[in-house]
Amino acid sequence: MKLQLDTKSIMIGFLSAALLISAFSFKNDSSGNGGKYQTSMGERGIIILDTETGAYIINTDATNSGWRKGNFENTFKVSKDNLDRK
């Protein structure tokens, strides 16, 4: 059996392999970089965010009784109303 490879066949093979590898490397994941809940802690307190609904709880003092609930949609609406009043 005689094996002959020409440049055109080699290029088609490499391009087919690259296309196949790139097709399998894509993920259909809409969650981004993290799970449903994300936590952030800073000098002024702790916030836990539900990334799917926009709801959050925040604690600005270091006690268990200082937790407050909120929703980013309502917070944005109130802050927008406050800006319009100025």
PDB file of N, CA and C in Angstrom:
ATOM      1  N   MET A   1       0.849  -1.172   0.000  1.00  0.00           N
ATOM      2  CA  MET A   1       0.000   0.000   0.000  1.00  0.00           C
ATOM      3  C   MET A   1       0.893   1.233   0.000  1.00  0.00           C
ATOM      4  N   LYS A   2       0.641   2.070  -0.941  1.00  0.00           N
ATOM      5  CA  LYS A   2       1.427   3.288  -1.073  1.00  0.00           C
ATOM      6  C   LYS A   2       0.627   4.454  -0.491  1.00  0.00           C
ATOM      7  N   LEU A   3       1.252   5.212   0.400  1.00  0.00           N
ATOM      8  CA  LEU A   3       0.593   6.323   1.077  1.00  0.00           C
ATOM      9  C   LEU A   3       1.122   7.629   0.519  1.00  0.00           C
ATOM     10  N   GLN A   4       0.221   8.418  -0.016  1.00  0.00           N
ATOM     11  CA  GLN A   4       0.613   9.723  -0.552  1.00  0.00           C
ATOM     12  C   GLN A   4      -0.184  10.807   0.153  1.00  0.00           C
ATOM     13  N   LEU A   5       0.494  11.802   0.649  1.00  0.00           N
ATOM     14  CA  LEU A   5      -0.145  12.955   1.281  1.00  0.00           C
ATOM     15  C   LEU A   5       0.258  14.203   0.520  1.00  0.00           C
ATOM     16  N   ASP A   6      -0.707  14.937   0.094  1.00  0.00           N
ATOM     17  CA  ASP A   6      -0.407  16.213  -0.536  1.00  0.00           C
ATOM     18  C   ASP A   6      -0.791  17.349   0.409  1.00  0.00           C
ATOM     19  N   THR A   7      -0.379  18.545   0.087  1.00  0.00           N
ATOM     20  CA  THR A   7      -0.601  19.706   0.957  1.00  0.00           C
ATOM     21  C   THR A   7      -2.083  19.980   1.159  1.00  0.00           C
ATOM     22  N   LYS A   8      -2.868  19.819   0.117  1.00  0.00           N
ATOM     23  CA  LYS A   8      -4.308  20.089   0.212  1.00  0.00           C
ATOM     24  C   LYS A   8      -4.982  19.137   1.211  1.00  0.00           C
ATOM     25  N   SER A   9      -4.634  17.874   1.175  1.00  0.00           N
ATOM     26  CA  SER A   9      -5.227  16.906   2.101  1.00  0.00           C
ATOM     27  C   SER A   9      -4.813  17.185   3.543  1.00  0.00           C
ATOM     28  N   ILE A  10      -3.562  17.554   3.744  1.00  0.00           N
ATOM     29  CA  ILE A  10      -3.084  17.878   5.096  1.00  0.00           C
ATOM     30  C   ILE A  10      -3.809  19.094   5.640  1.00  0.00           C
ATOM     31  N   MET A  11      -3.981  20.128   4.823  1.00  0.00           N
ATOM     32  CA  MET A  11      -4.682  21.347   5.260  1.00  0.00           C
ATOM     33  C   MET A  11      -6.142  21.055   5.582  1.00  0.00           C
ATOM     34  N   ILE A  12      -6.799  20.265   4.781  1.00  0.00           N
ATOM     35  CA  ILE A  12      -8.198  19.900   5.040  1.00  0.00           C
ATOM     36  C   ILE A  12      -8.294  19.121   6.347  1.00  0.00           C
ATOM     37  N   GLY A  13      -7.361  18.234   6.600  1.00  0.00           N
ATOM     38  CA  GLY A  13      -7.358  17.467   7.843  1.00  0.00           C
ATOM     39  C   GLY A  13      -7.163  18.350   9.064  1.00  0.00           C
ATOM     40  N   PHE A  14      -6.182  19.262   8.999  1.00  0.00           N
ATOM     41  CA  PHE A  14      -5.952  20.171  10.127  1.00  0.00           C
ATOM     42  C   PHE A  14      -7.151  21.092  10.371  1.00  0.00           C
ATOM     43  N   LEU A  15      -7.732  21.624   9.320  1.00  0.00           N
ATOM     44  CA  LEU A  15      -8.887  22.514   9.480  1.00  0.00           C
ATOM     45  C   LEU A  15     -10.099  21.758  10.026  1.00  0.00           C
ATOM     46  N   SER A  16     -10.292  20.524   9.568  1.00  0.00           N
ATOM     47  CA  SER A  16     -11.401  19.719  10.096  1.00  0.00           C
ATOM     48  C   SER A  16     -11.206  19.420  11.581  1.00  0.00           C
ATOM     49  N   ALA A  17      -9.968  19.098  11.966  1.00  0.00           N
ATOM     50  CA  ALA A  17      -9.690  18.829  13.376  1.00  0.00           C
ATOM     51  C   ALA A  17      -9.882  20.084  14.221  1.00  0.00           C
ATOM     52  N   ALA A  18      -9.427  21.229  13.730  1.00  0.00           N
ATOM     53  CA  ALA A  18      -9.595  22.486  14.466  1.00  0.00           C
ATOM     54  C   ALA A  18     -11.066  22.836  14.622  1.00  0.00           C
ATOM     55  N   LEU A  19     -11.846  22.631  13.572  1.00  0.00           N
ATOM     56  CA  LEU A  19     -13.286  22.899  13.642  1.00  0.00           C
ATOM     57  C   LEU A  19     -13.968  21.977  14.642  1.00  0.00           C
ATOM     58  N   LEU A  20     -13.595  20.732  14.634  1.00  0.00           N
ATOM     59  CA  LEU A  20     -14.175  19.770  15.569  1.00  0.00           C
ATOM     60  C   LEU A  20     -13.816  20.104  17.009  1.00  0.00           C
ATOM     61  N   ILE A  21     -12.578  20.451  17.263  1.00  0.00           N
ATOM     62  CA  ILE A  21     -12.137  20.802  18.620  1.00  0.00           C
ATOM     63  C   ILE A  21     -12.834  22.068  19.100  1.00  0.00           C
ATOM     64  N   SER A  22     -12.942  23.078  18.238  1.00  0.00           N
ATOM     65  CA  SER A  22     -13.598  24.320  18.660  1.00  0.00           C
ATOM     66  C   SER A  22     -15.093  24.120  18.878  1.00  0.00           C
ATOM     67  N   ALA A  23     -15.723  23.225  18.110  1.00  0.00           N
ATOM     68  CA  ALA A  23     -17.154  22.967  18.297  1.00  0.00           C
ATOM     69  C   ALA A  23     -17.426  22.305  19.642  1.00  0.00           C
ATOM     70  N   PHE A  24     -16.538  21.434  20.081  1.00  0.00           N
ATOM     71  CA  PHE A  24     -16.733  20.765  21.366  1.00  0.00           C
ATOM     72  C   PHE A  24     -16.279  21.606  22.554  1.00  0.00           C
ATOM     73  N   SER A  25     -15.535  22.657  22.310  1.00  0.00           N
ATOM     74  CA  SER A  25     -15.028  23.455  23.430  1.00  0.00           C
ATOM     75  C   SER A  25     -16.020  24.492  23.921  1.00  0.00           C
ATOM     76  N   PHE A  26     -17.047  24.819  23.151  1.00  0.00           N
ATOM     77  CA  PHE A  26     -18.029  25.806  23.579  1.00  0.00           C
ATOM     78  C   PHE A  26     -18.998  25.196  24.572  1.00  0.00           C
ATOM     79  N   LYS A  27     -19.342  25.992  25.600  1.00  0.00           N
ATOM     80  CA  LYS A  27     -20.299  25.546  26.609  1.00  0.00           C
ATOM     81  C   LYS A  27     -21.563  26.375  26.475  1.00  0.00           C
ATOM     82  N   ASN A  28     -22.675  25.765  26.710  1.00  0.00           N
ATOM     83  CA  ASN A  28     -23.945  26.470  26.716  1.00  0.00           C
ATOM     84  C   ASN A  28     -24.351  26.675  28.169  1.00  0.00           C
ATOM     85  N   ASP A  29     -23.619  27.543  28.864  1.00  0.00           N
ATOM     86  CA  ASP A  29     -23.834  27.766  30.288  1.00  0.00           C
ATOM     87  C   ASP A  29     -24.110  29.241  30.504  1.00  0.00           C
ATOM     88  N   SER A  30     -25.297  29.580  30.947  1.00  0.00           N
ATOM     89  CA  SER A  30     -25.663  30.982  31.117  1.00  0.00           C
ATOM     90  C   SER A  30     -25.400  31.508  32.524  1.00  0.00           C
ATOM     91  N   SER A  31     -24.923  30.645  33.420  1.00  0.00           N
ATOM     92  CA  SER A  31     -24.729  31.093  34.793  1.00  0.00           C
ATOM     93  C   SER A  31     -23.501  31.972  34.979  1.00  0.00           C
ATOM     94  N   GLY A  32     -22.587  31.959  34.026  1.00  0.00           N
ATOM     95  CA  GLY A  32     -21.425  32.814  34.139  1.00  0.00           C
ATOM     96  C   GLY A  32     -20.399  32.266  35.088  1.00  0.00           C
ATOM     97  N   ASN A  33     -19.869  33.110  35.956  1.00  0.00           N
ATOM     98  CA  ASN A  33     -18.783  32.687  36.833  1.00  0.00           C
ATOM     99  C   ASN A  33     -19.270  32.531  38.261  1.00  0.00           C
ATOM    100  N   GLY A  34     -20.039  31.568  38.520  1.00  0.00           N
ATOM    101  CA  GLY A  34     -20.489  31.342  39.883  1.00  0.00           C
ATOM    102  C   GLY A  34     -21.822  30.648  39.900  1.00  0.00           C
ATOM    103  N   GLY A  35     -22.318  30.465  41.084  1.00  0.00           N
ATOM    104  CA  GLY A  35     -23.590  29.789  41.252  1.00  0.00           C
ATOM    105  C   GLY A  35     -24.739  30.769  41.359  1.00  0.00           C
ATOM    106  N   LYS A  36     -25.795  30.314  41.958  1.00  0.00           N
ATOM    107  CA  LYS A  36     -26.987  31.136  42.101  1.00  0.00           C
ATOM    108  C   LYS A  36     -26.762  32.249  43.114  1.00  0.00           C
ATOM    109  N   TYR A  37     -26.006  31.985  44.158  1.00  0.00           N
ATOM    110  CA  TYR A  37     -25.778  32.975  45.207  1.00  0.00           C
ATOM    111  C   TYR A  37     -24.328  33.438  45.177  1.00  0.00           C
ATOM    112  N   GLN A  38     -24.133  34.746  45.313  1.00  0.00           N
ATOM    113  CA  GLN A  38     -22.796  35.313  45.404  1.00  0.00           C
ATOM    114  C   GLN A  38     -22.720  36.172  46.655  1.00  0.00           C
ATOM    115  N   THR A  39     -21.590  36.087  47.327  1.00  0.00           N
ATOM    116  CA  THR A  39     -21.378  36.821  48.576  1.00  0.00           C
ATOM    117  C   THR A  39     -20.231  37.791  48.400  1.00  0.00           C
ATOM    118  N   SER A  40     -20.411  38.982  48.956  1.00  0.00           N
ATOM    119  CA  SER A  40     -19.346  39.969  48.940  1.00  0.00           C
ATOM    120  C   SER A  40     -19.240  40.578  50.325  1.00  0.00           C
ATOM    121  N   MET A  41     -18.007  40.708  50.811  1.00  0.00           N
ATOM    122  CA  MET A  41     -17.777  41.259  52.133  1.00  0.00           C
ATOM    123  C   MET A  41     -16.796  42.415  52.008  1.00  0.00           C
ATOM    124  N   GLY A  42     -17.140  43.527  52.628  1.00  0.00           N
ATOM    125  CA  GLY A  42     -16.277  44.696  52.602  1.00  0.00           C
ATOM    126  C   GLY A  42     -16.216  45.360  53.961  1.00  0.00           C
ATOM    127  N   GLU A  43     -15.672  46.554  53.989  1.00  0.00           N
ATOM    128  CA  GLU A  43     -15.535  47.282  55.250  1.00  0.00           C
ATOM    129  C   GLU A  43     -16.886  47.682  55.833  1.00  0.00           C
ATOM    130  N   ARG A  44     -17.876  47.873  54.979  1.00  0.00           N
ATOM    131  CA  ARG A  44     -19.178  48.359  55.445  1.00  0.00           C
ATOM    132  C   ARG A  44     -20.194  47.261  55.686  1.00  0.00           C
ATOM    133  N   GLY A  45     -19.826  45.982  55.442  1.00  0.00           N
ATOM    134  CA  GLY A  45     -20.767  44.912  55.733  1.00  0.00           C
ATOM    135  C   GLY A  45     -20.681  43.767  54.748  1.00  0.00           C
ATOM    136  N   ILE A  46     -21.715  42.931  54.782  1.00  0.00           N
ATOM    137  CA  ILE A  46     -21.798  41.727  53.963  1.00  0.00           C
ATOM    138  C   ILE A  46     -23.082  41.789  53.148  1.00  0.00           C
ATOM    139  N   ILE A  47     -23.003  41.363  51.875  1.00  0.00           N
ATOM    140  CA  ILE A  47     -24.195  41.260  51.043  1.00  0.00           C
ATOM    141  C   ILE A  47     -24.200  39.893  50.379  1.00  0.00           C
ATOM    142  N   ILE A  48     -25.371  39.247  50.368  1.00  0.00           N
ATOM    143  CA  ILE A  48     -25.560  37.962  49.696  1.00  0.00           C
ATOM    144  C   ILE A  48     -26.609  38.195  48.628  1.00  0.00           C
ATOM    145  N   LEU A  49     -26.239  37.919  47.371  1.00  0.00           N
ATOM    146  CA  LEU A  49     -27.074  38.217  46.212  1.00  0.00           C
ATOM    147  C   LEU A  49     -27.545  36.935  45.547  1.00  0.00           C
ATOM    148  N   ASP A  50     -28.843  36.868  45.228  1.00  0.00           N
ATOM    149  CA  ASP A  50     -29.395  35.806  44.401  1.00  0.00           C
ATOM    150  C   ASP A  50     -29.295  36.304  42.960  1.00  0.00           C
ATOM    151  N   THR A  51     -28.396  35.740  42.174  1.00  0.00           N
ATOM    152  CA  THR A  51     -28.119  36.266  40.838  1.00  0.00           C
ATOM    153  C   THR A  51     -29.245  36.007  39.853  1.00  0.00           C
ATOM    154  N   GLU A  52     -30.151  35.090  40.146  1.00  0.00           N
ATOM    155  CA  GLU A  52     -31.255  34.801  39.233  1.00  0.00           C
ATOM    156  C   GLU A  52     -32.418  35.771  39.418  1.00  0.00           C
ATOM    157  N   THR A  53     -32.715  36.145  40.657  1.00  0.00           N
ATOM    158  CA  THR A  53     -33.880  36.990  40.916  1.00  0.00           C
ATOM    159  C   THR A  53     -33.527  38.433  41.229  1.00  0.00           C
ATOM    160  N   GLY A  54     -32.288  38.712  41.628  1.00  0.00           N
ATOM    161  CA  GLY A  54     -31.894  40.065  42.015  1.00  0.00           C
ATOM    162  C   GLY A  54     -32.176  40.383  43.472  1.00  0.00           C
ATOM    163  N   ALA A  55     -32.703  39.415  44.214  1.00  0.00           N
ATOM    164  CA  ALA A  55     -32.961  39.629  45.642  1.00  0.00           C
ATOM    165  C   ALA A  55     -31.645  39.560  46.404  1.00  0.00           C
ATOM    166  N   TYR A  56     -31.566  40.298  47.484  1.00  0.00           N
ATOM    167  CA  TYR A  56     -30.353  40.278  48.297  1.00  0.00           C
ATOM    168  C   TYR A  56     -30.697  40.454  49.761  1.00  0.00           C
ATOM    169  N   ILE A  57     -29.753  40.050  50.611  1.00  0.00           N
ATOM    170  CA  ILE A  57     -29.816  40.364  52.034  1.00  0.00           C
ATOM    171  C   ILE A  57     -28.496  41.033  52.378  1.00  0.00           C
ATOM    172  N   ILE A  58     -28.570  42.009  53.265  1.00  0.00           N
ATOM    173  CA  ILE A  58     -27.391  42.801  53.600  1.00  0.00           C
ATOM    174  C   ILE A  58     -27.317  42.960  55.103  1.00  0.00           C
ATOM    175  N   ASN A  59     -26.098  42.986  55.619  1.00  0.00           N
ATOM    176  CA  ASN A  59     -25.869  43.188  57.043  1.00  0.00           C
ATOM    177  C   ASN A  59     -24.734  44.195  57.174  1.00  0.00           C
ATOM    178  N   THR A  60     -25.046  45.367  57.697  1.00  0.00           N
ATOM    179  CA  THR A  60     -24.033  46.407  57.839  1.00  0.00           C
ATOM    180  C   THR A  60     -23.402  46.434  59.221  1.00  0.00           C
ATOM    181  N   ASP A  61     -23.992  45.737  60.176  1.00  0.00           N
ATOM    182  CA  ASP A  61     -23.339  45.584  61.472  1.00  0.00           C
ATOM    183  C   ASP A  61     -23.059  44.103  61.685  1.00  0.00           C
ATOM    184  N   ALA A  62     -22.216  43.766  62.588  1.00  0.00           N
ATOM    185  CA  ALA A  62     -21.745  42.390  62.740  1.00  0.00           C
ATOM    186  C   ALA A  62     -22.620  41.558  63.666  1.00  0.00           C
ATOM    187  N   THR A  63     -23.929  41.779  63.641  1.00  0.00           N
ATOM    188  CA  THR A  63     -24.819  40.993  64.490  1.00  0.00           C
ATOM    189  C   THR A  63     -25.748  40.159  63.617  1.00  0.00           C
ATOM    190  N   ASN A  64     -26.295  39.106  64.194  1.00  0.00           N
ATOM    191  CA  ASN A  64     -27.231  38.278  63.451  1.00  0.00           C
ATOM    192  C   ASN A  64     -28.586  38.953  63.284  1.00  0.00           C
ATOM    193  N   SER A  65     -28.893  39.951  64.081  1.00  0.00           N
ATOM    194  CA  SER A  65     -30.195  40.617  63.980  1.00  0.00           C
ATOM    195  C   SER A  65     -30.166  41.797  63.009  1.00  0.00           C
ATOM    196  N   GLY A  66     -29.025  42.078  62.389  1.00  0.00           N
ATOM    197  CA  GLY A  66     -28.908  43.229  61.507  1.00  0.00           C
ATOM    198  C   GLY A  66     -29.164  42.950  60.041  1.00  0.00           C
ATOM    199  N   TRP A  67     -29.677  41.764  59.689  1.00  0.00           N
ATOM    200  CA  TRP A  67     -29.899  41.418  58.291  1.00  0.00           C
ATOM    201  C   TRP A  67     -31.160  42.096  57.757  1.00  0.00           C
ATOM    202  N   ARG A  68     -31.048  42.673  56.568  1.00  0.00           N
ATOM    203  CA  ARG A  68     -32.194  43.310  55.898  1.00  0.00           C
ATOM    204  C   ARG A  68     -32.332  42.734  54.500  1.00  0.00           C
ATOM    205  N   LYS A  69     -33.589  42.557  54.045  1.00  0.00           N
ATOM    206  CA  LYS A  69     -33.864  42.026  52.714  1.00  0.00           C
ATOM    207  C   LYS A  69     -34.024  43.174  51.725  1.00  0.00           C
ATOM    208  N   GLY A  70     -33.773  42.877  50.465  1.00  0.00           N
ATOM    209  CA  GLY A  70     -33.974  43.861  49.422  1.00  0.00           C
ATOM    210  C   GLY A  70     -34.086  43.197  48.069  1.00  0.00           C
ATOM    211  N   ASN A  71     -34.384  44.003  47.061  1.00  0.00           N
ATOM    212  CA  ASN A  71     -34.498  43.535  45.694  1.00  0.00           C
ATOM    213  C   ASN A  71     -33.921  44.622  44.796  1.00  0.00           C
ATOM    214  N   PHE A  72     -33.014  44.268  43.898  1.00  0.00           N
ATOM    215  CA  PHE A  72     -32.355  45.268  43.077  1.00  0.00           C
ATOM    216  C   PHE A  72     -33.328  46.030  42.180  1.00  0.00           C
ATOM    217  N   GLU A  73     -34.386  45.377  41.722  1.00  0.00           N
ATOM    218  CA  GLU A  73     -35.357  46.074  40.867  1.00  0.00           C
ATOM    219  C   GLU A  73     -36.044  47.191  41.648  1.00  0.00           C
ATOM    220  N   ASN A  74     -36.474  46.903  42.869  1.00  0.00           N
ATOM    221  CA  ASN A  74     -37.108  47.928  43.695  1.00  0.00           C
ATOM    222  C   ASN A  74     -36.115  49.005  44.123  1.00  0.00           C
ATOM    223  N   THR A  75     -34.896  48.592  44.463  1.00  0.00           N
ATOM    224  CA  THR A  75     -33.874  49.556  44.869  1.00  0.00           C
ATOM    225  C   THR A  75     -33.556  50.505  43.733  1.00  0.00           C
ATOM    226  N   PHE A  76     -33.442  49.987  42.511  1.00  0.00           N
ATOM    227  CA  PHE A  76     -33.166  50.827  41.351  1.00  0.00           C
ATOM    228  C   PHE A  76     -34.320  51.799  41.100  1.00  0.00           C
ATOM    229  N   LYS A  77     -35.548  51.309  41.251  1.00  0.00           N
ATOM    230  CA  LYS A  77     -36.719  52.157  41.036  1.00  0.00           C
ATOM    231  C   LYS A  77     -36.754  53.300  42.048  1.00  0.00           C
ATOM    232  N   VAL A  78     -36.495  52.997  43.313  1.00  0.00           N
ATOM    233  CA  VAL A  78     -36.505  54.018  44.361  1.00  0.00           C
ATOM    234  C   VAL A  78     -35.374  55.011  44.148  1.00  0.00           C
ATOM    235  N   SER A  79     -34.179  54.524  43.813  1.00  0.00           N
ATOM    236  CA  SER A  79     -33.059  55.444  43.613  1.00  0.00           C
ATOM    237  C   SER A  79     -33.279  56.309  42.383  1.00  0.00           C
ATOM    238  N   LYS A  80     -33.922  55.766  41.353  1.00  0.00           N
ATOM    239  CA  LYS A  80     -34.225  56.553  40.167  1.00  0.00           C
ATOM    240  C   LYS A  80     -35.254  57.640  40.514  1.00  0.00           C
ATOM    241  N   ASP A  81     -36.258  57.275  41.322  1.00  0.00           N
ATOM    242  CA  ASP A  81     -37.241  58.273  41.759  1.00  0.00           C
ATOM    243  C   ASP A  81     -36.588  59.367  42.584  1.00  0.00           C
ATOM    244  N   ASN A  82     -35.644  58.987  43.454  1.00  0.00           N
ATOM    245  CA  ASN A  82     -34.947  59.968  44.271  1.00  0.00           C
ATOM    246  C   ASN A  82     -34.111  60.925  43.418  1.00  0.00           C
ATOM    247  N   LEU A  83     -33.531  60.412  42.345  1.00  0.00           N
ATOM    248  CA  LEU A  83     -32.732  61.261  41.466  1.00  0.00           C
ATOM    249  C   LEU A  83     -33.617  62.250  40.703  1.00  0.00           C
ATOM    250  N   ASP A  84     -34.840  61.804  40.344  1.00  0.00           N
ATOM    251  CA  ASP A  84     -35.751  62.685  39.615  1.00  0.00           C
ATOM    252  C   ASP A  84     -36.279  63.834  40.475  1.00  0.00           C
ATOM    253  N   ARG A  85     -36.286  63.650  41.778  1.00  0.00           N
ATOM    254  CA  ARG A  85     -36.839  64.670  42.687  1.00  0.00           C
ATOM    255  C   ARG A  85     -35.887  65.817  42.910  1.00  0.00           C
ATOM    256  N   LYS A  86     -34.610  65.657  42.635  1.00  0.00           N
ATOM    257  CA  LYS A  86     -33.615  66.695  42.913  1.00  0.00           C
ATOM    258  C   LYS A  86     -33.759  67.867  41.996  1.00  0.00           C
TER     259      LYS A  86
END
